[in-house]
């Protein structure tokens, strides 16, 4: 089978490798759409630890082609999304319900072969049916949606209050959709690219601001209703966002870091301000126990508002360039398509 393989040293090749064997509790998946995300770019850049040579791809939507002899809940033809983590089960974090903190977790597409291939084998426990749709794109979007659901769980917003989301890439758009569905408002988006400001409005933002605008802080305070935001999300991973967002929080405000900043990035913040206004700074990582909820939501959200770009395996480099420059809102690899 053909597979897009990260070889290390910033190199991705399309290779012919054996079709993986199906064990008793495994399912064989034919990936139809595999999202290309920031993590994949970080792997290729060398900023995110992986175990090359490895088949990339962890945002996977596809159909079951075969099932192992002991598989109980899936059948051939099912549309599934993959929850791309195997946890050790024996560490402190696994045994206290914080799976996403497991130091020994293994992820398809990072430490194990992932979905950018004509076939993929995973244990049935991480293959989730996606009800209400036959759209494999929506199945592939379930993984980032599950991360967004976990982020909203961490932020714990209350309906009827304002929120600001910085960055309207694919995950920022998902977070706006969830905020809209949760009854937050006004929903304010801050985004530099005109096409993505338009996307923000289409998926539920009430106010959209350009971060290069003069007097951005005053515009944010005005958009919040005058007192600042009780909730803010950084969907970029940016020092500049943090230094802009914290002063725009209300007293008792909560700030969620969702975007992945460079490991060496450092922000200048005021501990006294955090103390005096009783601010909360939160991190969010992965999707512990939220993949089923995201799969159930996938058909209910306006995901088709995103502009999609589809690329076969052989055009991986072109797809990565499109992902980096924002040509599309969301880029997919389509392993079943020949160039």
Protein backbone atom coordinates (compact mmCIF):
# COMPACT_ATOMS: atom_id res chain seq x y z
CA UNK A 1 0.00 0.00 0.00
CA UNK A 2 1.02 3.65 -0.47
CA UNK A 3 1.78 5.72 2.61
CA UNK A 4 3.11 9.22 3.36
CA UNK A 5 6.05 8.58 5.69
CA UNK A 6 8.03 11.05 7.76
CA UNK A 7 11.65 9.94 7.51
CA UNK A 8 13.14 12.49 9.87
CA UNK A 9 15.27 15.51 8.95
CA UNK A 10 12.23 17.37 7.49
CA UNK A 11 11.67 14.72 4.80
CA UNK A 12 8.32 13.11 3.85
CA UNK A 13 8.23 10.41 1.17
CA UNK A 14 5.45 8.31 -0.33
CA UNK A 15 6.48 4.68 0.00
CA UNK A 16 5.08 1.24 -0.77
CA UNK A 17 4.83 -0.67 2.51
CA UNK A 18 2.99 -3.86 3.56
CA UNK A 19 -0.67 -3.70 4.50
CA UNK A 20 -0.75 -4.13 8.30
CA UNK A 21 -2.08 -7.35 9.76
CA UNK A 22 -5.42 -7.40 11.59
CA UNK A 23 -5.32 -8.84 15.10
CA UNK A 24 -8.28 -10.30 17.00
CA UNK A 25 -9.38 -6.95 18.50
CA UNK A 26 -8.32 -4.82 15.54
CA UNK A 27 -10.19 -3.19 12.68
CA UNK A 28 -8.82 -2.46 9.21
CA UNK A 29 -9.77 1.05 8.09
CA UNK A 30 -9.72 2.53 4.60
CA UNK A 31 -8.91 6.20 5.34
CA UNK A 32 -10.84 8.54 3.04
CA UNK A 33 -9.94 11.91 4.55
CA UNK A 34 -7.03 12.64 6.87
CA UNK A 35 -6.64 16.15 8.25
CA UNK A 36 -3.29 17.88 7.93
CA UNK A 37 -2.87 19.95 11.07
CA UNK A 38 -0.35 22.06 12.92
CA UNK A 39 1.03 19.02 14.73
CA UNK A 40 1.99 17.45 11.41
CA UNK A 41 3.77 20.66 10.43
CA UNK A 42 5.58 20.73 13.78
CA UNK A 43 6.68 17.10 13.26
CA UNK A 44 8.11 17.89 9.82
CA UNK A 45 9.79 21.02 11.21
CA UNK A 46 11.37 18.97 14.00
CA UNK A 47 9.59 20.92 16.75
CA UNK A 48 7.42 17.98 17.91
CA UNK A 49 8.89 14.66 19.00
CA UNK A 50 7.96 11.74 16.77
CA UNK A 51 9.45 8.33 16.01
CA UNK A 52 10.46 8.24 12.34
CA UNK A 53 10.13 6.52 10.01
CA UNK A 54 6.41 6.86 10.64
CA UNK A 55 3.22 7.18 8.58
CA UNK A 56 1.73 10.56 9.38
CA UNK A 57 -1.90 11.45 10.06
CA UNK A 58 -3.98 11.44 13.23
CA UNK A 59 -7.21 13.20 12.12
CA UNK A 60 -8.77 10.22 10.38
CA UNK A 61 -12.12 9.52 8.78
CA UNK A 62 -12.69 6.27 6.93
CA UNK A 63 -14.62 3.03 6.64
CA UNK A 64 -14.13 -0.40 8.14
CA UNK A 65 -12.85 -2.92 5.58
CA UNK A 66 -12.27 -5.88 7.93
CA UNK A 67 -12.66 -6.74 11.60
CA UNK A 68 -10.74 -9.07 13.88
CA UNK A 69 -12.28 -12.23 15.28
CA UNK A 70 -12.96 -10.69 18.72
CA UNK A 71 -14.32 -7.31 17.59
CA UNK A 72 -17.74 -6.71 19.17
CA UNK A 73 -19.04 -3.28 18.29
CA UNK A 74 -17.96 -2.50 14.74
CA UNK A 75 -18.72 -4.03 11.37
CA UNK A 76 -17.52 -3.81 7.80
CA UNK A 77 -18.78 -0.61 6.14
CA UNK A 78 -19.05 1.49 9.31
CA UNK A 79 -17.89 5.10 9.01
CA UNK A 80 -15.44 5.74 11.84
CA UNK A 81 -13.22 8.39 13.35
CA UNK A 82 -10.02 7.45 15.16
CA UNK A 83 -9.26 8.69 18.68
CA UNK A 84 -5.50 8.67 18.16
CA UNK A 85 -4.08 7.71 21.53
CA UNK A 86 -3.10 4.54 23.31
CA UNK A 87 -2.46 5.15 27.01
CA UNK A 88 -0.31 3.03 29.32
CA UNK A 89 -3.09 2.47 31.86
CA UNK A 90 -0.70 2.05 34.80
CA UNK A 91 0.73 5.51 35.52
CA UNK A 92 -0.64 7.90 38.14
CA UNK A 93 -2.42 9.97 35.49
CA UNK A 94 -4.13 7.03 33.81
CA UNK A 95 -5.24 5.64 37.14
CA UNK A 96 -6.69 8.95 38.32
CA UNK A 97 -8.68 9.77 35.18
CA UNK A 98 -6.19 12.18 33.55
CA UNK A 99 -5.28 10.08 30.53
CA UNK A 100 -4.10 13.03 28.46
CA UNK A 101 -1.24 13.58 30.92
CA UNK A 102 0.08 10.03 30.45
CA UNK A 103 3.85 10.33 29.81
CA UNK A 104 3.93 7.04 27.91
CA UNK A 105 0.99 7.55 25.55
CA UNK A 106 1.48 6.48 21.94
CA UNK A 107 -0.28 8.22 19.09
CA UNK A 108 -0.95 6.95 15.56
CA UNK A 109 0.64 9.46 13.20
CA UNK A 110 3.27 10.44 15.78
CA UNK A 111 4.72 7.36 17.51
CA UNK A 112 2.85 4.69 15.53
CA UNK A 113 1.82 4.51 11.89
CA UNK A 114 -1.11 6.82 11.19
CA UNK A 115 -3.80 7.38 8.62
CA UNK A 116 -2.02 8.86 5.59
CA UNK A 117 -2.02 5.48 3.90
CA UNK A 118 -4.36 3.31 1.89
CA UNK A 119 -5.02 1.15 4.97
CA UNK A 120 -4.75 1.58 8.73
CA UNK A 121 -5.13 -0.94 11.55
CA UNK A 122 -6.17 0.18 15.04
CA UNK A 123 -7.68 -1.50 18.05
CA UNK A 124 -11.47 -1.27 18.03
CA UNK A 125 -11.36 0.71 21.27
CA UNK A 126 -10.11 3.81 19.44
CA UNK A 127 -12.37 3.55 16.36
CA UNK A 128 -15.60 5.49 16.92
CA UNK A 129 -18.72 5.39 14.77
CA UNK A 130 -19.96 8.83 13.69
CA UNK A 131 -23.78 8.93 13.81
CA UNK A 132 -25.98 11.13 11.70
CA UNK A 133 -23.68 11.45 8.69
CA UNK A 134 -21.98 9.49 5.93
CA UNK A 135 -19.44 12.28 5.38
CA UNK A 136 -15.89 11.01 6.02
CA UNK A 137 -14.68 14.62 6.19
CA UNK A 138 -16.84 15.18 9.26
CA UNK A 139 -15.45 11.96 10.70
CA UNK A 140 -11.91 13.26 10.18
CA UNK A 141 -12.84 16.56 11.85
CA UNK A 142 -14.04 14.69 14.93
CA UNK A 143 -10.52 14.54 16.39
CA UNK A 144 -9.87 18.32 16.44
CA UNK A 145 -13.50 18.81 17.50
CA UNK A 146 -12.89 16.49 20.46
CA UNK A 147 -9.90 18.63 21.46
CA UNK A 148 -12.10 21.72 21.21
CA UNK A 149 -14.76 20.07 23.38
CA UNK A 150 -12.12 19.34 26.04
CA UNK A 151 -10.94 22.93 25.84
CA UNK A 152 -14.46 24.21 26.44
CA UNK A 153 -14.79 21.78 29.34
CA UNK A 154 -11.65 23.28 30.84
CA UNK A 155 -12.90 26.84 30.33
CA UNK A 156 -16.35 25.94 31.74
CA UNK A 157 -18.17 28.98 30.33
CA UNK A 158 -21.69 29.94 31.41
CA UNK A 159 -24.30 30.79 28.81
CA UNK A 160 -25.28 34.41 28.30
CA UNK A 161 -21.77 35.80 28.88
CA UNK A 162 -19.30 37.19 26.33
CA UNK A 163 -16.25 35.35 25.00
CA UNK A 164 -13.37 36.31 22.71
CA UNK A 165 -11.53 33.83 20.47
CA UNK A 166 -8.16 34.86 19.06
CA UNK A 167 -7.44 33.10 15.76
CA UNK A 168 -9.98 31.63 13.35
CA UNK A 169 -8.10 28.75 11.82
CA UNK A 170 -9.97 25.43 11.73
CA UNK A 171 -9.83 24.94 15.50
CA UNK A 172 -10.72 28.55 16.23
CA UNK A 173 -13.76 28.08 13.99
CA UNK A 174 -14.72 24.93 15.90
CA UNK A 175 -14.43 26.78 19.20
CA UNK A 176 -16.69 29.55 17.90
CA UNK A 177 -19.24 26.94 16.81
CA UNK A 178 -19.18 25.39 20.29
CA UNK A 179 -19.44 28.80 21.97
CA UNK A 180 -22.44 29.64 19.81
CA UNK A 181 -24.06 26.31 20.59
CA UNK A 182 -23.44 26.85 24.32
CA UNK A 183 -25.33 30.16 24.29
CA UNK A 184 -22.38 32.47 24.86
CA UNK A 185 -22.61 36.00 23.59
CA UNK A 186 -21.54 38.24 22.26
CA UNK A 187 -18.94 36.02 20.61
CA UNK A 188 -15.99 38.14 19.48
CA UNK A 189 -13.33 36.85 17.09
CA UNK A 190 -9.93 38.43 16.48
CA UNK A 191 -8.34 37.39 13.19
CA UNK A 192 -5.88 38.97 10.77
CA UNK A 193 -6.90 37.29 7.51
CA UNK A 194 -9.99 38.73 5.78
CA UNK A 195 -11.20 35.32 4.56
CA UNK A 196 -11.05 33.95 8.07
CA UNK A 197 -12.82 36.97 9.52
CA UNK A 198 -15.61 36.13 7.10
CA UNK A 199 -15.50 32.49 8.25
CA UNK A 200 -15.83 33.63 11.86
CA UNK A 201 -19.08 35.41 11.07
CA UNK A 202 -20.44 32.43 9.14
CA UNK A 203 -19.89 30.03 12.04
CA UNK A 204 -21.34 32.22 14.80
CA UNK A 205 -19.20 35.23 15.74
CA UNK A 206 -21.17 38.38 16.53
CA UNK A 207 -18.22 40.78 16.27
CA UNK A 208 -15.01 40.28 14.28
CA UNK A 209 -11.93 42.44 14.84
CA UNK A 210 -8.65 42.82 12.99
CA UNK A 211 -5.70 42.51 15.41
CA UNK A 212 -3.86 45.26 13.50
CA UNK A 213 -6.61 47.79 14.26
CA UNK A 214 -5.60 50.92 16.15
CA UNK A 215 -6.85 50.88 19.72
CA UNK A 216 -7.51 47.13 19.74
CA UNK A 217 -7.74 47.01 23.54
CA UNK A 218 -10.44 49.69 23.61
CA UNK A 219 -12.31 47.91 20.80
CA UNK A 220 -12.20 44.66 22.79
CA UNK A 221 -13.48 46.29 25.98
CA UNK A 222 -16.29 47.96 24.03
CA UNK A 223 -17.24 44.67 22.34
CA UNK A 224 -17.36 42.93 25.74
CA UNK A 225 -19.97 45.38 27.00
CA UNK A 226 -17.52 47.58 28.86
CA UNK A 227 -16.22 45.33 31.64
CA UNK A 228 -13.90 42.97 29.76
CA UNK A 229 -14.38 39.30 28.88
CA UNK A 230 -15.05 36.60 31.45
CA UNK A 231 -13.68 34.11 28.88
CA UNK A 232 -10.89 34.34 26.31
CA UNK A 233 -9.28 31.65 24.15
CA UNK A 234 -5.94 31.75 22.38
CA UNK A 235 -6.42 29.48 19.36
CA UNK A 236 -3.12 30.66 17.84
CA UNK A 237 -0.36 29.82 20.32
CA UNK A 238 1.06 33.33 20.49
CA UNK A 239 2.86 35.46 23.06
CA UNK A 240 1.28 38.55 21.49
CA UNK A 241 -2.19 37.07 21.96
CA UNK A 242 -1.56 36.39 25.64
CA UNK A 243 -0.26 39.90 26.23
CA UNK A 244 -3.32 41.33 24.45
CA UNK A 245 -5.93 39.03 25.97
CA UNK A 246 -5.09 39.18 29.67
CA UNK A 247 -5.66 42.96 29.96
CA UNK A 248 -8.99 42.49 28.14
CA UNK A 249 -10.33 40.02 30.72
CA UNK A 250 -12.91 41.04 33.27
CA UNK A 251 -12.33 40.58 36.97
CA UNK A 252 -12.39 36.86 37.64
CA UNK A 253 -11.79 36.17 33.93
CA UNK A 254 -10.54 32.87 32.57
CA UNK A 255 -7.96 32.57 29.79
CA UNK A 256 -7.53 29.30 27.87
CA UNK A 257 -4.32 28.54 25.98
CA UNK A 258 -5.44 26.25 23.17
CA UNK A 259 -2.94 27.05 20.39
CA UNK A 260 0.51 25.45 20.54
CA UNK A 261 3.21 28.05 21.13
CA UNK A 262 6.86 27.42 20.33
CA UNK A 263 8.58 25.78 23.34
CA UNK A 264 11.00 28.71 23.65
CA UNK A 265 8.30 31.41 23.57
CA UNK A 266 8.05 33.60 26.68
CA UNK A 267 5.37 36.17 27.57
CA UNK A 268 5.52 39.24 29.76
CA UNK A 269 2.62 39.20 32.23
CA UNK A 270 1.88 40.83 35.58
CA UNK A 271 1.53 38.42 38.52
CA UNK A 272 0.03 41.28 40.53
CA UNK A 273 -2.68 41.74 37.90
CA UNK A 274 -3.49 38.02 38.02
CA UNK A 275 -3.70 38.23 41.82
CA UNK A 276 -5.64 41.49 42.06
CA UNK A 277 -8.23 40.61 39.43
CA UNK A 278 -8.30 36.91 40.38
CA UNK A 279 -7.60 35.75 36.83
CA UNK A 280 -7.26 32.11 35.82
CA UNK A 281 -4.86 30.87 33.13
CA UNK A 282 -5.66 27.40 31.79
CA UNK A 283 -3.95 24.95 29.49
CA UNK A 284 -5.70 22.27 27.48
CA UNK A 285 -4.18 19.20 25.87
CA UNK A 286 -5.65 16.45 23.69
CA UNK A 287 -9.12 14.99 24.06
CA UNK A 288 -9.57 12.81 27.16
CA UNK A 289 -13.02 11.19 27.19
CA UNK A 290 -14.41 13.70 24.68
CA UNK A 291 -14.12 11.82 21.37
CA UNK A 292 -17.53 10.13 21.70
CA UNK A 293 -19.18 13.47 22.48
CA UNK A 294 -17.47 15.07 19.48
CA UNK A 295 -18.53 12.21 17.20
CA UNK A 296 -22.12 12.74 18.31
CA UNK A 297 -21.84 16.48 17.60
CA UNK A 298 -20.11 16.27 14.22
CA UNK A 299 -23.29 16.20 12.13
CA UNK A 300 -24.87 19.05 14.11
CA UNK A 301 -22.27 21.77 13.49
CA UNK A 302 -21.82 23.96 10.38
CA UNK A 303 -18.54 22.29 9.38
CA UNK A 304 -19.27 22.80 5.68
CA UNK A 305 -18.62 26.51 6.16
CA UNK A 306 -14.89 25.73 6.14
CA UNK A 307 -13.11 25.91 2.78
CA UNK A 308 -11.56 22.50 2.19
CA UNK A 309 -8.49 21.61 0.15
CA UNK A 310 -7.98 17.95 -0.81
CA UNK A 311 -4.62 16.50 -1.86
CA UNK A 312 -3.52 12.95 -2.75
CA UNK A 313 -0.58 11.37 -0.93
CA UNK A 314 1.84 12.23 -3.72
CA UNK A 315 1.13 15.95 -3.26
CA UNK A 316 1.91 16.02 0.46
CA UNK A 317 4.46 18.84 0.13
CA UNK A 318 1.92 20.96 -1.74
CA UNK A 319 -0.69 20.19 0.90
CA UNK A 320 1.69 21.19 3.68
CA UNK A 321 2.43 24.48 1.94
CA UNK A 322 -1.31 25.15 1.61
CA UNK A 323 -1.76 24.35 5.30
CA UNK A 324 1.00 26.76 6.27
CA UNK A 325 -0.15 29.70 4.15
CA UNK A 326 -3.87 29.36 4.88
CA UNK A 327 -4.93 28.82 1.28
CA UNK A 328 -7.78 26.72 2.69
CA UNK A 329 -9.45 26.69 6.09
CA UNK A 330 -8.75 22.97 6.37
CA UNK A 331 -6.44 20.76 4.32
CA UNK A 332 -6.99 17.03 3.89
CA UNK A 333 -4.92 14.20 2.50
CA UNK A 334 -7.08 11.77 0.50
CA UNK A 335 -5.18 8.44 0.53
CA UNK A 336 -7.56 6.69 -1.87
CA UNK A 337 -6.99 9.30 -4.60
CA UNK A 338 -4.24 8.74 -7.17
CA UNK A 339 -2.35 11.78 -8.42
